Amino acid sequence: MSSSSSFYVPSNQQRTLRACMVCSLVQLHSKFMREGCPNCDHVLGLKGNNDAIQECTSQVFEGLITVRDPVTSWVARWQRLDSYVPGTYAVKVTGSLPDETIASLEDSGVKYIPRDGSIAEEET
């Protein structure tokens, strides 16, 4: 019996965990392959596309945050996750998206902010 909100990963599968470089959602490579990214697949097209998964997700990430209610969570707001689905997210994701992927995100109206801490959020 498995719940979509549970995040138990057997130790022999932890090396296949990946984080989306756009939204920082963490899940198994096989789940990205089977279902894509619930936040970004409309733009990234990860479902069934191993090349896209390799380019747009990373095995190198720091910290995990489990968000049950992104709308009311201050941590979700702080991490810019408040418009995403409940799930487990990385605090920092290392890696860089291909330029054409960044262009396609912007064409779709998605403002891409790297999740690796290299660009601080602009103050208003």
PDB file of N, CA and C in Angstrom:
ATOM      1  N   MET A   1       0.862  -1.179   0.000  1.00  0.00           N
ATOM      2  CA  MET A   1       0.000   0.000   0.000  1.00  0.00           C
ATOM      3  C   MET A   1       0.900   1.231   0.000  1.00  0.00           C
ATOM      4  N   SER A   2       0.718   2.067  -0.996  1.00  0.00           N
ATOM      5  CA  SER A   2       1.577   3.240  -1.141  1.00  0.00           C
ATOM      6  C   SER A   2       0.734   4.500  -1.281  1.00  0.00           C
ATOM      7  N   SER A   3       1.121   5.520  -0.557  1.00  0.00           N
ATOM      8  CA  SER A   3       0.420   6.806  -0.641  1.00  0.00           C
ATOM      9  C   SER A   3       1.248   7.748  -1.487  1.00  0.00           C
ATOM     10  N   SER A   4       0.594   8.591  -2.281  1.00  0.00           N
ATOM     11  CA  SER A   4       1.346   9.512  -3.126  1.00  0.00           C
ATOM     12  C   SER A   4       2.108  10.535  -2.288  1.00  0.00           C
ATOM     13  N   SER A   5       1.696  10.741  -1.043  1.00  0.00           N
ATOM     14  CA  SER A   5       2.385  11.719  -0.219  1.00  0.00           C
ATOM     15  C   SER A   5       3.512  11.090   0.597  1.00  0.00           C
ATOM     16  N   SER A   6       3.623   9.747   0.612  1.00  0.00           N
ATOM     17  CA  SER A   6       4.703   9.132   1.369  1.00  0.00           C
ATOM     18  C   SER A   6       5.986   9.210   0.565  1.00  0.00           C
ATOM     19  N   PHE A   7       7.113   9.221   1.258  1.00  0.00           N
ATOM     20  CA  PHE A   7       8.375   9.388   0.565  1.00  0.00           C
ATOM     21  C   PHE A   7       9.399   8.396   1.071  1.00  0.00           C
ATOM     22  N   TYR A   8       8.984   7.178   1.370  1.00  0.00           N
ATOM     23  CA  TYR A   8       9.953   6.179   1.784  1.00  0.00           C
ATOM     24  C   TYR A   8      10.662   5.654   0.547  1.00  0.00           C
ATOM     25  N   VAL A   9      11.974   5.712   0.560  1.00  0.00           N
ATOM     26  CA  VAL A   9      12.768   5.188  -0.542  1.00  0.00           C
ATOM     27  C   VAL A   9      13.756   4.188   0.048  1.00  0.00           C
ATOM     28  N   PRO A  10      13.678   2.919  -0.376  1.00  0.00           N
ATOM     29  CA  PRO A  10      14.634   1.929   0.129  1.00  0.00           C
ATOM     30  C   PRO A  10      16.064   2.383  -0.162  1.00  0.00           C
ATOM     31  N   SER A  11      16.989   2.060   0.743  1.00  0.00           N
ATOM     32  CA  SER A  11      18.361   2.549   0.601  1.00  0.00           C
ATOM     33  C   SER A  11      19.003   2.109  -0.710  1.00  0.00           C
ATOM     34  N   ASN A  12      18.615   0.967  -1.246  1.00  0.00           N
ATOM     35  CA  ASN A  12      19.219   0.527  -2.505  1.00  0.00           C
ATOM     36  C   ASN A  12      18.704   1.314  -3.704  1.00  0.00           C
ATOM     37  N   GLN A  13      17.687   2.175  -3.515  1.00  0.00           N
ATOM     38  CA  GLN A  13      17.171   2.984  -4.613  1.00  0.00           C
ATOM     39  C   GLN A  13      17.488   4.477  -4.441  1.00  0.00           C
ATOM     40  N   GLN A  14      18.092   4.860  -3.313  1.00  0.00           N
ATOM     41  CA  GLN A  14      18.331   6.275  -3.054  1.00  0.00           C
ATOM     42  C   GLN A  14      19.247   6.913  -4.085  1.00  0.00           C
ATOM     43  N   ARG A  15      20.136   6.142  -4.701  1.00  0.00           N
ATOM     44  CA  ARG A  15      21.027   6.718  -5.711  1.00  0.00           C
ATOM     45  C   ARG A  15      20.283   7.077  -6.987  1.00  0.00           C
ATOM     46  N   THR A  16      19.038   6.606  -7.139  1.00  0.00           N
ATOM     47  CA  THR A  16      18.273   6.949  -8.343  1.00  0.00           C
ATOM     48  C   THR A  16      17.351   8.148  -8.104  1.00  0.00           C
ATOM     49  N   LEU A  17      17.470   8.775  -6.921  1.00  0.00           N
ATOM     50  CA  LEU A  17      16.691   9.988  -6.664  1.00  0.00           C
ATOM     51  C   LEU A  17      17.225  11.132  -7.512  1.00  0.00           C
ATOM     52  N   ARG A  18      16.312  11.927  -8.047  1.00  0.00           N
ATOM     53  CA  ARG A  18      16.692  13.091  -8.854  1.00  0.00           C
ATOM     54  C   ARG A  18      15.804  14.257  -8.449  1.00  0.00           C
ATOM     55  N   ALA A  19      16.316  15.464  -8.636  1.00  0.00           N
ATOM     56  CA  ALA A  19      15.551  16.679  -8.339  1.00  0.00           C
ATOM     57  C   ALA A  19      15.358  17.461  -9.632  1.00  0.00           C
ATOM     58  N   CYS A  20      14.142  17.920  -9.867  1.00  0.00           N
ATOM     59  CA  CYS A  20      13.850  18.749 -11.029  1.00  0.00           C
ATOM     60  C   CYS A  20      14.603  20.070 -10.872  1.00  0.00           C
ATOM     61  N   MET A  21      15.300  20.508 -11.911  1.00  0.00           N
ATOM     62  CA  MET A  21      16.080  21.747 -11.826  1.00  0.00           C
ATOM     63  C   MET A  21      15.204  22.996 -11.922  1.00  0.00           C
ATOM     64  N   VAL A  22      13.943  22.829 -12.284  1.00  0.00           N
ATOM     65  CA  VAL A  22      13.057  23.988 -12.363  1.00  0.00           C
ATOM     66  C   VAL A  22      12.308  24.195 -11.049  1.00  0.00           C
ATOM     67  N   CYS A  23      11.659  23.136 -10.530  1.00  0.00           N
ATOM     68  CA  CYS A  23      10.842  23.305  -9.319  1.00  0.00           C
ATOM     69  C   CYS A  23      11.462  22.670  -8.080  1.00  0.00           C
ATOM     70  N   SER A  24      12.486  21.849  -8.225  1.00  0.00           N
ATOM     71  CA  SER A  24      13.230  21.148  -7.172  1.00  0.00           C
ATOM     72  C   SER A  24      12.493  19.947  -6.565  1.00  0.00           C
ATOM     73  N   LEU A  25      11.414  19.479  -7.202  1.00  0.00           N
ATOM     74  CA  LEU A  25      10.731  18.263  -6.734  1.00  0.00           C
ATOM     75  C   LEU A  25      11.690  17.088  -6.811  1.00  0.00           C
ATOM     76  N   VAL A  26      11.725  16.260  -5.759  1.00  0.00           N
ATOM     77  CA  VAL A  26      12.604  15.100  -5.707  1.00  0.00           C
ATOM     78  C   VAL A  26      11.761  13.837  -5.833  1.00  0.00           C
ATOM     79  N   GLN A  27      12.147  12.985  -6.764  1.00  0.00           N
ATOM     80  CA  GLN A  27      11.513  11.674  -6.881  1.00  0.00           C
ATOM     81  C   GLN A  27      12.469  10.716  -7.589  1.00  0.00           C
ATOM     82  N   LEU A  28      12.105   9.445  -7.621  1.00  0.00           N
ATOM     83  CA  LEU A  28      12.933   8.448  -8.277  1.00  0.00           C
ATOM     84  C   LEU A  28      12.974   8.698  -9.783  1.00  0.00           C
ATOM     85  N   HIS A  29      14.106   8.351 -10.395  1.00  0.00           N
ATOM     86  CA  HIS A  29      14.239   8.457 -11.855  1.00  0.00           C
ATOM     87  C   HIS A  29      13.073   7.729 -12.530  1.00  0.00           C
ATOM     88  N   SER A  30      12.728   6.550 -12.022  1.00  0.00           N
ATOM     89  CA  SER A  30      11.656   5.763 -12.639  1.00  0.00           C
ATOM     90  C   SER A  30      10.303   6.470 -12.568  1.00  0.00           C
ATOM     91  N   LYS A  31      10.091   7.261 -11.522  1.00  0.00           N
ATOM     92  CA  LYS A  31       8.826   7.998 -11.416  1.00  0.00           C
ATOM     93  C   LYS A  31       8.798   9.181 -12.390  1.00  0.00           C
ATOM     94  N   PHE A  32       9.939   9.871 -12.558  1.00  0.00           N
ATOM     95  CA  PHE A  32      10.009  10.905 -13.588  1.00  0.00           C
ATOM     96  C   PHE A  32       9.720  10.276 -14.952  1.00  0.00           C
ATOM     97  N   MET A  33      10.281   9.091 -15.195  1.00  0.00           N
ATOM     98  CA  MET A  33      10.098   8.409 -16.473  1.00  0.00           C
ATOM     99  C   MET A  33       8.630   8.010 -16.664  1.00  0.00           C
ATOM    100  N   ARG A  34       8.010   7.511 -15.615  1.00  0.00           N
ATOM    101  CA  ARG A  34       6.625   7.022 -15.691  1.00  0.00           C
ATOM    102  C   ARG A  34       5.608   8.162 -15.716  1.00  0.00           C
ATOM    103  N   GLU A  35       5.834   9.207 -14.883  1.00  0.00           N
ATOM    104  CA  GLU A  35       4.806  10.234 -14.697  1.00  0.00           C
ATOM    105  C   GLU A  35       5.256  11.647 -15.061  1.00  0.00           C
ATOM    106  N   GLY A  36       6.558  11.845 -15.271  1.00  0.00           N
ATOM    107  CA  GLY A  36       7.059  13.192 -15.506  1.00  0.00           C
ATOM    108  C   GLY A  36       7.082  13.987 -14.216  1.00  0.00           C
ATOM    109  N   CYS A  37       7.236  15.295 -14.329  1.00  0.00           N
ATOM    110  CA  CYS A  37       7.213  16.181 -13.167  1.00  0.00           C
ATOM    111  C   CYS A  37       5.822  16.792 -13.071  1.00  0.00           C
ATOM    112  N   PRO A  38       5.128  16.630 -11.933  1.00  0.00           N
ATOM    113  CA  PRO A  38       3.764  17.155 -11.829  1.00  0.00           C
ATOM    114  C   PRO A  38       3.680  18.681 -11.920  1.00  0.00           C
ATOM    115  N   ASN A  39       4.799  19.366 -11.696  1.00  0.00           N
ATOM    116  CA  ASN A  39       4.799  20.829 -11.776  1.00  0.00           C
ATOM    117  C   ASN A  39       5.249  21.346 -13.144  1.00  0.00           C
ATOM    118  N   CYS A  40       6.137  20.638 -13.787  1.00  0.00           N
ATOM    119  CA  CYS A  40       6.835  21.196 -14.960  1.00  0.00           C
ATOM    120  C   CYS A  40       6.702  20.387 -16.243  1.00  0.00           C
ATOM    121  N   ASP A  41       6.040  19.243 -16.202  1.00  0.00           N
ATOM    122  CA  ASP A  41       6.064  18.375 -17.376  1.00  0.00           C
ATOM    123  C   ASP A  41       5.416  19.007 -18.602  1.00  0.00           C
ATOM    124  N   HIS A  42       4.475  19.926 -18.375  1.00  0.00           N
ATOM    125  CA  HIS A  42       3.834  20.593 -19.511  1.00  0.00           C
ATOM    126  C   HIS A  42       4.850  21.370 -20.351  1.00  0.00           C
ATOM    127  N   VAL A  43       5.983  21.731 -19.742  1.00  0.00           N
ATOM    128  CA  VAL A  43       7.029  22.455 -20.465  1.00  0.00           C
ATOM    129  C   VAL A  43       8.244  21.560 -20.729  1.00  0.00           C
ATOM    130  N   LEU A  44       8.638  20.770 -19.727  1.00  0.00           N
ATOM    131  CA  LEU A  44       9.864  19.983 -19.851  1.00  0.00           C
ATOM    132  C   LEU A  44       9.678  18.672 -20.612  1.00  0.00           C
ATOM    133  N   GLY A  45       8.494  18.080 -20.542  1.00  0.00           N
ATOM    134  CA  GLY A  45       8.245  16.821 -21.250  1.00  0.00           C
ATOM    135  C   GLY A  45       9.138  15.683 -20.787  1.00  0.00           C
ATOM    136  N   LEU A  46       9.229  15.485 -19.471  1.00  0.00           N
ATOM    137  CA  LEU A  46      10.090  14.440 -18.924  1.00  0.00           C
ATOM    138  C   LEU A  46       9.497  13.043 -19.067  1.00  0.00           C
ATOM    139  N   LYS A  47       8.188  12.941 -19.035  1.00  0.00           N
ATOM    140  CA  LYS A  47       7.516  11.637 -19.048  1.00  0.00           C
ATOM    141  C   LYS A  47       7.948  10.821 -20.267  1.00  0.00           C
ATOM    142  N   GLY A  48       8.559   9.659 -19.988  1.00  0.00           N
ATOM    143  CA  GLY A  48       8.980   8.757 -21.049  1.00  0.00           C
ATOM    144  C   GLY A  48      10.185   9.229 -21.850  1.00  0.00           C
ATOM    145  N   ASN A  49      10.884  10.290 -21.374  1.00  0.00           N
ATOM    146  CA  ASN A  49      11.990  10.859 -22.142  1.00  0.00           C
ATOM    147  C   ASN A  49      13.260  10.884 -21.288  1.00  0.00           C
ATOM    148  N   ASN A  50      14.057   9.824 -21.366  1.00  0.00           N
ATOM    149  CA  ASN A  50      15.257   9.719 -20.537  1.00  0.00           C
ATOM    150  C   ASN A  50      16.238  10.861 -20.790  1.00  0.00           C
ATOM    151  N   ASP A  51      16.388  11.298 -22.053  1.00  0.00           N
ATOM    152  CA  ASP A  51      17.310  12.401 -22.345  1.00  0.00           C
ATOM    153  C   ASP A  51      16.891  13.671 -21.616  1.00  0.00           C
ATOM    154  N   ALA A  52      15.592  13.980 -21.647  1.00  0.00           N
ATOM    155  CA  ALA A  52      15.090  15.173 -20.946  1.00  0.00           C
ATOM    156  C   ALA A  52      15.282  15.039 -19.444  1.00  0.00           C
ATOM    157  N   ILE A  53      15.078  13.838 -18.901  1.00  0.00           N
ATOM    158  CA  ILE A  53      15.275  13.616 -17.462  1.00  0.00           C
ATOM    159  C   ILE A  53      16.741  13.874 -17.106  1.00  0.00           C
ATOM    160  N   GLN A  54      17.665  13.389 -17.924  1.00  0.00           N
ATOM    161  CA  GLN A  54      19.094  13.597 -17.667  1.00  0.00           C
ATOM    162  C   GLN A  54      19.460  15.080 -17.738  1.00  0.00           C
ATOM    163  N   GLU A  55      18.832  15.823 -18.665  1.00  0.00           N
ATOM    164  CA  GLU A  55      19.167  17.240 -18.854  1.00  0.00           C
ATOM    165  C   GLU A  55      18.497  18.165 -17.853  1.00  0.00           C
ATOM    166  N   CYS A  56      17.294  17.811 -17.397  1.00  0.00           N
ATOM    167  CA  CYS A  56      16.478  18.749 -16.607  1.00  0.00           C
ATOM    168  C   CYS A  56      16.314  18.365 -15.143  1.00  0.00           C
ATOM    169  N   THR A  57      16.903  17.230 -14.738  1.00  0.00           N
ATOM    170  CA  THR A  57      16.894  16.856 -13.326  1.00  0.00           C
ATOM    171  C   THR A  57      18.340  16.594 -12.917  1.00  0.00           C
ATOM    172  N   SER A  58      18.594  16.572 -11.617  1.00  0.00           N
ATOM    173  CA  SER A  58      19.956  16.388 -11.127  1.00  0.00           C
ATOM    174  C   SER A  58      19.982  15.403  -9.968  1.00  0.00           C
ATOM    175  N   GLN A  59      21.043  14.617  -9.911  1.00  0.00           N
ATOM    176  CA  GLN A  59      21.245  13.724  -8.766  1.00  0.00           C
ATOM    177  C   GLN A  59      21.943  14.459  -7.629  1.00  0.00           C
ATOM    178  N   VAL A  60      22.384  15.684  -7.887  1.00  0.00           N
ATOM    179  CA  VAL A  60      23.142  16.443  -6.888  1.00  0.00           C
ATOM    180  C   VAL A  60      22.240  17.530  -6.300  1.00  0.00           C
ATOM    181  N   PHE A  61      21.818  17.307  -5.065  1.00  0.00           N
ATOM    182  CA  PHE A  61      20.960  18.280  -4.394  1.00  0.00           C
ATOM    183  C   PHE A  61      21.210  18.224  -2.902  1.00  0.00           C
ATOM    184  N   GLU A  62      20.791  19.294  -2.200  1.00  0.00           N
ATOM    185  CA  GLU A  62      20.992  19.392  -0.756  1.00  0.00           C
ATOM    186  C   GLU A  62      19.660  19.583  -0.058  1.00  0.00           C
ATOM    187  N   GLY A  63      19.533  18.949   1.096  1.00  0.00           N
ATOM    188  CA  GLY A  63      18.383  19.149   1.967  1.00  0.00           C
ATOM    189  C   GLY A  63      17.077  18.699   1.348  1.00  0.00           C
ATOM    190  N   LEU A  64      16.148  18.278   2.182  1.00  0.00           N
ATOM    191  CA  LEU A  64      14.822  17.884   1.719  1.00  0.00           C
ATOM    192  C   LEU A  64      13.762  18.584   2.548  1.00  0.00           C
ATOM    193  N   ILE A  65      12.719  19.036   1.872  1.00  0.00           N
ATOM    194  CA  ILE A  65      11.568  19.655   2.531  1.00  0.00           C
ATOM    195  C   ILE A  65      10.342  18.890   2.054  1.00  0.00           C
ATOM    196  N   THR A  66       9.542  18.423   2.978  1.00  0.00           N
ATOM    197  CA  THR A  66       8.287  17.789   2.592  1.00  0.00           C
ATOM    198  C   THR A  66       7.177  18.794   2.826  1.00  0.00           C
ATOM    199  N   VAL A  67       6.445  19.091   1.756  1.00  0.00           N
ATOM    200  CA  VAL A  67       5.400  20.110   1.817  1.00  0.00           C
ATOM    201  C   VAL A  67       4.044  19.434   1.633  1.00  0.00           C
ATOM    202  N   ARG A  68       3.193  19.573   2.650  1.00  0.00           N
ATOM    203  CA  ARG A  68       1.861  18.976   2.589  1.00  0.00           C
ATOM    204  C   ARG A  68       0.850  19.959   2.027  1.00  0.00           C
ATOM    205  N   ASP A  69       0.959  21.220   2.433  1.00  0.00           N
ATOM    206  CA  ASP A  69       0.014  22.237   1.973  1.00  0.00           C
ATOM    207  C   ASP A  69       0.795  23.464   1.507  1.00  0.00           C
ATOM    208  N   PRO A  70       1.220  23.463   0.236  1.00  0.00           N
ATOM    209  CA  PRO A  70       2.088  24.534  -0.267  1.00  0.00           C
ATOM    210  C   PRO A  70       1.488  25.931  -0.141  1.00  0.00           C
ATOM    211  N   VAL A  71       0.174  26.057  -0.170  1.00  0.00           N
ATOM    212  CA  VAL A  71      -0.463  27.376  -0.150  1.00  0.00           C
ATOM    213  C   VAL A  71      -0.312  28.052   1.213  1.00  0.00           C
ATOM    214  N   THR A  72      -0.391  27.284   2.303  1.00  0.00           N
ATOM    215  CA  THR A  72      -0.345  27.890   3.636  1.00  0.00           C
ATOM    216  C   THR A  72       1.028  27.793   4.311  1.00  0.00           C
ATOM    217  N   SER A  73       1.965  27.083   3.708  1.00  0.00           N
ATOM    218  CA  SER A  73       3.271  26.868   4.325  1.00  0.00           C
ATOM    219  C   SER A  73       4.215  28.045   4.089  1.00  0.00           C
ATOM    220  N   TRP A  74       4.746  28.613   5.172  1.00  0.00           N
ATOM    221  CA  TRP A  74       5.707  29.706   5.001  1.00  0.00           C
ATOM    222  C   TRP A  74       7.006  29.184   4.403  1.00  0.00           C
ATOM    223  N   VAL A  75       7.347  27.934   4.717  1.00  0.00           N
ATOM    224  CA  VAL A  75       8.555  27.348   4.131  1.00  0.00           C
ATOM    225  C   VAL A  75       8.384  27.211   2.620  1.00  0.00           C
ATOM    226  N   ALA A  76       7.202  26.801   2.186  1.00  0.00           N
ATOM    227  CA  ALA A  76       6.929  26.687   0.746  1.00  0.00           C
ATOM    228  C   ALA A  76       7.049  28.060   0.072  1.00  0.00           C
ATOM    229  N   ARG A  77       6.522  29.102   0.727  1.00  0.00           N
ATOM    230  CA  ARG A  77       6.648  30.460   0.161  1.00  0.00           C
ATOM    231  C   ARG A  77       8.116  30.872   0.092  1.00  0.00           C
ATOM    232  N   TRP A  78       8.853  30.616   1.167  1.00  0.00           N
ATOM    233  CA  TRP A  78      10.267  30.977   1.253  1.00  0.00           C
ATOM    234  C   TRP A  78      11.078  30.276   0.163  1.00  0.00           C
ATOM    235  N   GLN A  79      10.735  29.024  -0.151  1.00  0.00           N
ATOM    236  CA  GLN A  79      11.442  28.252  -1.171  1.00  0.00           C
ATOM    237  C   GLN A  79      10.821  28.411  -2.565  1.00  0.00           C
ATOM    238  N   ARG A  80       9.826  29.286  -2.699  1.00  0.00           N
ATOM    239  CA  ARG A  80       9.108  29.490  -3.961  1.00  0.00           C
ATOM    240  C   ARG A  80       8.451  28.205  -4.453  1.00  0.00           C
ATOM    241  N   LEU A  81       7.786  27.491  -3.526  1.00  0.00           N
ATOM    242  CA  LEU A  81       7.112  26.247  -3.855  1.00  0.00           C
ATOM    243  C   LEU A  81       5.599  26.363  -3.710  1.00  0.00           C
ATOM    244  N   ASP A  82       5.111  27.562  -3.344  1.00  0.00           N
ATOM    245  CA  ASP A  82       3.702  27.700  -2.970  1.00  0.00           C
ATOM    246  C   ASP A  82       2.716  27.497  -4.126  1.00  0.00           C
ATOM    247  N   SER A  83       3.184  27.458  -5.359  1.00  0.00           N
ATOM    248  CA  SER A  83       2.260  27.200  -6.468  1.00  0.00           C
ATOM    249  C   SER A  83       2.426  25.778  -7.004  1.00  0.00           C
ATOM    250  N   TYR A  84       3.170  24.941  -6.284  1.00  0.00           N
ATOM    251  CA  TYR A  84       3.429  23.572  -6.731  1.00  0.00           C
ATOM    252  C   TYR A  84       2.613  22.548  -5.961  1.00  0.00           C
ATOM    253  N   VAL A  85       2.663  21.302  -6.419  1.00  0.00           N
ATOM    254  CA  VAL A  85       1.926  20.218  -5.779  1.00  0.00           C
ATOM    255  C   VAL A  85       2.603  19.836  -4.463  1.00  0.00           C
ATOM    256  N   PRO A  86       1.851  19.267  -3.518  1.00  0.00           N
ATOM    257  CA  PRO A  86       2.477  18.737  -2.303  1.00  0.00           C
ATOM    258  C   PRO A  86       3.510  17.674  -2.690  1.00  0.00           C
ATOM    259  N   GLY A  87       4.576  17.593  -1.927  1.00  0.00           N
ATOM    260  CA  GLY A  87       5.603  16.590  -2.221  1.00  0.00           C
ATOM    261  C   GLY A  87       6.883  16.882  -1.490  1.00  0.00           C
ATOM    262  N   THR A  88       7.949  16.222  -1.899  1.00  0.00           N
ATOM    263  CA  THR A  88       9.261  16.391  -1.288  1.00  0.00           C
ATOM    264  C   THR A  88      10.144  17.157  -2.260  1.00  0.00           C
ATOM    265  N   TYR A  89      10.760  18.228  -1.753  1.00  0.00           N
ATOM    266  CA  TYR A  89      11.547  19.132  -2.574  1.00  0.00           C
ATOM    267  C   TYR A  89      12.952  19.286  -2.011  1.00  0.00           C
ATOM    268  N   ALA A  90      13.910  19.543  -2.885  1.00  0.00           N
ATOM    269  CA  ALA A  90      15.284  19.821  -2.466  1.00  0.00           C
ATOM    270  C   ALA A  90      15.396  21.300  -2.111  1.00  0.00           C
ATOM    271  N   VAL A  91      16.246  21.618  -1.144  1.00  0.00           N
ATOM    272  CA  VAL A  91      16.507  23.009  -0.789  1.00  0.00           C
ATOM    273  C   VAL A  91      17.361  23.662  -1.875  1.00  0.00           C
ATOM    274  N   LYS A  92      18.374  22.933  -2.357  1.00  0.00           N
ATOM    275  CA  LYS A  92      19.259  23.409  -3.427  1.00  0.00           C
ATOM    276  C   LYS A  92      19.452  22.285  -4.427  1.00  0.00           C
ATOM    277  N   VAL A  93      19.442  22.629  -5.715  1.00  0.00           N
ATOM    278  CA  VAL A  93      19.679  21.652  -6.774  1.00  0.00           C
ATOM    279  C   VAL A  93      20.866  22.134  -7.604  1.00  0.00           C
ATOM    280  N   THR A  94      21.859  21.288  -7.760  1.00  0.00           N
ATOM    281  CA  THR A  94      23.044  21.636  -8.535  1.00  0.00           C
ATOM    282  C   THR A  94      22.887  21.147  -9.963  1.00  0.00           C
ATOM    283  N   GLY A  95      23.205  22.016 -10.900  1.00  0.00           N
ATOM    284  CA  GLY A  95      23.113  21.652 -12.309  1.00  0.00           C
ATOM    285  C   GLY A  95      22.603  22.840 -13.099  1.00  0.00           C
ATOM    286  N   SER A  96      22.756  22.770 -14.417  1.00  0.00           N
ATOM    287  CA  SER A  96      22.257  23.868 -15.231  1.00  0.00           C
ATOM    288  C   SER A  96      21.452  23.323 -16.403  1.00  0.00           C
ATOM    289  N   LEU A  97      20.355  23.977 -16.658  1.00  0.00           N
ATOM    290  CA  LEU A  97      19.482  23.591 -17.762  1.00  0.00           C
ATOM    291  C   LEU A  97      20.108  24.006 -19.092  1.00  0.00           C
ATOM    292  N   PRO A  98      19.839  23.248 -20.144  1.00  0.00           N
ATOM    293  CA  PRO A  98      20.285  23.675 -21.479  1.00  0.00           C
ATOM    294  C   PRO A  98      19.616  25.003 -21.853  1.00  0.00           C
ATOM    295  N   ASP A  99      20.316  25.839 -22.616  1.00  0.00           N
ATOM    296  CA  ASP A  99      19.792  27.148 -23.018  1.00  0.00           C
ATOM    297  C   ASP A  99      18.450  27.042 -23.723  1.00  0.00           C
ATOM    298  N   GLU A 100      18.287  26.026 -24.585  1.00  0.00           N
ATOM    299  CA  GLU A 100      17.016  25.889 -25.304  1.00  0.00           C
ATOM    300  C   GLU A 100      15.857  25.565 -24.355  1.00  0.00           C
ATOM    301  N   THR A 101      16.141  24.854 -23.256  1.00  0.00           N
ATOM    302  CA  THR A 101      15.101  24.559 -22.267  1.00  0.00           C
ATOM    303  C   THR A 101      14.710  25.842 -21.533  1.00  0.00           C
ATOM    304  N   ILE A 102      15.688  26.655 -21.179  1.00  0.00           N
ATOM    305  CA  ILE A 102      15.405  27.936 -20.516  1.00  0.00           C
ATOM    306  C   ILE A 102      14.568  28.820 -21.432  1.00  0.00           C
ATOM    307  N   ALA A 103      14.916  28.866 -22.719  1.00  0.00           N
ATOM    308  CA  ALA A 103      14.149  29.651 -23.689  1.00  0.00           C
ATOM    309  C   ALA A 103      12.721  29.136 -23.799  1.00  0.00           C
ATOM    310  N   SER A 104      12.550  27.811 -23.803  1.00  0.00           N
ATOM    311  CA  SER A 104      11.199  27.250 -23.919  1.00  0.00           C
ATOM    312  C   SER A 104      10.375  27.523 -22.658  1.00  0.00           C
ATOM    313  N   LEU A 105      11.028  27.542 -21.486  1.00  0.00           N
ATOM    314  CA  LEU A 105      10.331  27.911 -20.244  1.00  0.00           C
ATOM    315  C   LEU A 105       9.836  29.351 -20.337  1.00  0.00           C
ATOM    316  N   GLU A 106      10.730  30.243 -20.750  1.00  0.00           N
ATOM    317  CA  GLU A 106      10.356  31.657 -20.844  1.00  0.00           C
ATOM    318  C   GLU A 106       9.262  31.881 -21.878  1.00  0.00           C
ATOM    319  N   ASP A 107       9.320  31.133 -22.996  1.00  0.00           N
ATOM    320  CA  ASP A 107       8.264  31.219 -24.020  1.00  0.00           C
ATOM    321  C   ASP A 107       6.920  30.769 -23.459  1.00  0.00           C
ATOM    322  N   SER A 108       6.962  29.877 -22.462  1.00  0.00           N
ATOM    323  CA  SER A 108       5.733  29.377 -21.846  1.00  0.00           C
ATOM    324  C   SER A 108       5.282  30.244 -20.675  1.00  0.00           C
ATOM    325  N   GLY A 109       6.003  31.339 -20.429  1.00  0.00           N
ATOM    326  CA  GLY A 109       5.634  32.240 -19.349  1.00  0.00           C
ATOM    327  C   GLY A 109       6.167  31.840 -17.990  1.00  0.00           C
ATOM    328  N   VAL A 110       7.117  30.893 -17.946  1.00  0.00           N
ATOM    329  CA  VAL A 110       7.704  30.448 -16.684  1.00  0.00           C
ATOM    330  C   VAL A 110       9.012  31.203 -16.484  1.00  0.00           C
ATOM    331  N   LYS A 111       9.095  31.964 -15.378  1.00  0.00           N
ATOM    332  CA  LYS A 111      10.340  32.679 -15.066  1.00  0.00           C
ATOM    333  C   LYS A 111      11.274  31.688 -14.381  1.00  0.00           C
ATOM    334  N   TYR A 112      12.356  31.354 -15.060  1.00  0.00           N
ATOM    335  CA  TYR A 112      13.295  30.376 -14.522  1.00  0.00           C
ATOM    336  C   TYR A 112      14.271  31.040 -13.565  1.00  0.00           C
ATOM    337  N   ILE A 113      14.305  30.542 -12.334  1.00  0.00           N
ATOM    338  CA  ILE A 113      15.278  30.981 -11.336  1.00  0.00           C
ATOM    339  C   ILE A 113      16.044  29.735 -10.916  1.00  0.00           C
ATOM    340  N   PRO A 114      17.352  29.667 -11.199  1.00  0.00           N
ATOM    341  CA  PRO A 114      18.123  28.478 -10.825  1.00  0.00           C
ATOM    342  C   PRO A 114      17.930  28.135  -9.350  1.00  0.00           C
ATOM    343  N   ARG A 115      17.856  26.858  -9.057  1.00  0.00           N
ATOM    344  CA  ARG A 115      17.636  26.389  -7.689  1.00  0.00           C
ATOM    345  C   ARG A 115      18.934  26.040  -6.981  1.00  0.00           C
ATOM    346  N   ASP A 116      20.073  26.521  -7.536  1.00  0.00           N
ATOM    347  CA  ASP A 116      21.358  26.182  -6.929  1.00  0.00           C
ATOM    348  C   ASP A 116      21.922  27.289  -6.043  1.00  0.00           C
ATOM    349  N   GLY A 117      21.161  28.376  -5.886  1.00  0.00           N
ATOM    350  CA  GLY A 117      21.619  29.472  -5.040  1.00  0.00           C
ATOM    351  C   GLY A 117      22.572  30.412  -5.745  1.00  0.00           C
ATOM    352  N   SER A 118      22.815  30.207  -7.054  1.00  0.00           N
ATOM    353  CA  SER A 118      23.782  31.048  -7.768  1.00  0.00           C
ATOM    354  C   SER A 118      23.223  32.445  -8.037  1.00  0.00           C
ATOM    355  N   ILE A 119      21.921  32.547  -8.157  1.00  0.00           N
ATOM    356  CA  ILE A 119      21.301  33.852  -8.386  1.00  0.00           C
ATOM    357  C   ILE A 119      20.344  34.124  -7.232  1.00  0.00           C
ATOM    358  N   ALA A 120      20.652  35.140  -6.459  1.00  0.00           N
ATOM    359  CA  ALA A 120      19.773  35.492  -5.337  1.00  0.00           C
ATOM    360  C   ALA A 120      18.504  36.105  -5.879  1.00  0.00           C
ATOM    361  N   GLU A 121      17.392  35.877  -5.194  1.00  0.00           N
ATOM    362  CA  GLU A 121      16.118  36.454  -5.594  1.00  0.00           C
ATOM    363  C   GLU A 121      16.245  37.978  -5.558  1.00  0.00           C
ATOM    364  N   GLU A 122      15.778  38.619  -6.614  1.00  0.00           N
ATOM    365  CA  GLU A 122      15.872  40.078  -6.673  1.00  0.00           C
ATOM    366  C   GLU A 122      14.955  40.699  -5.616  1.00  0.00           C
ATOM    367  N   GLU A 123      15.490  41.695  -4.935  1.00  0.00           N
ATOM    368  CA  GLU A 123      14.672  42.385  -3.929  1.00  0.00           C
ATOM    369  C   GLU A 123      13.858  43.459  -4.611  1.00  0.00           C
ATOM    370  N   THR A 124      12.628  43.621  -4.139  1.00  0.00           N
ATOM    371  CA  THR A 124      11.759  44.646  -4.723  1.00  0.00           C
ATOM    372  C   THR A 124      11.592  45.815  -3.797  1.00  0.00           C
TER     373      THR A 124
END
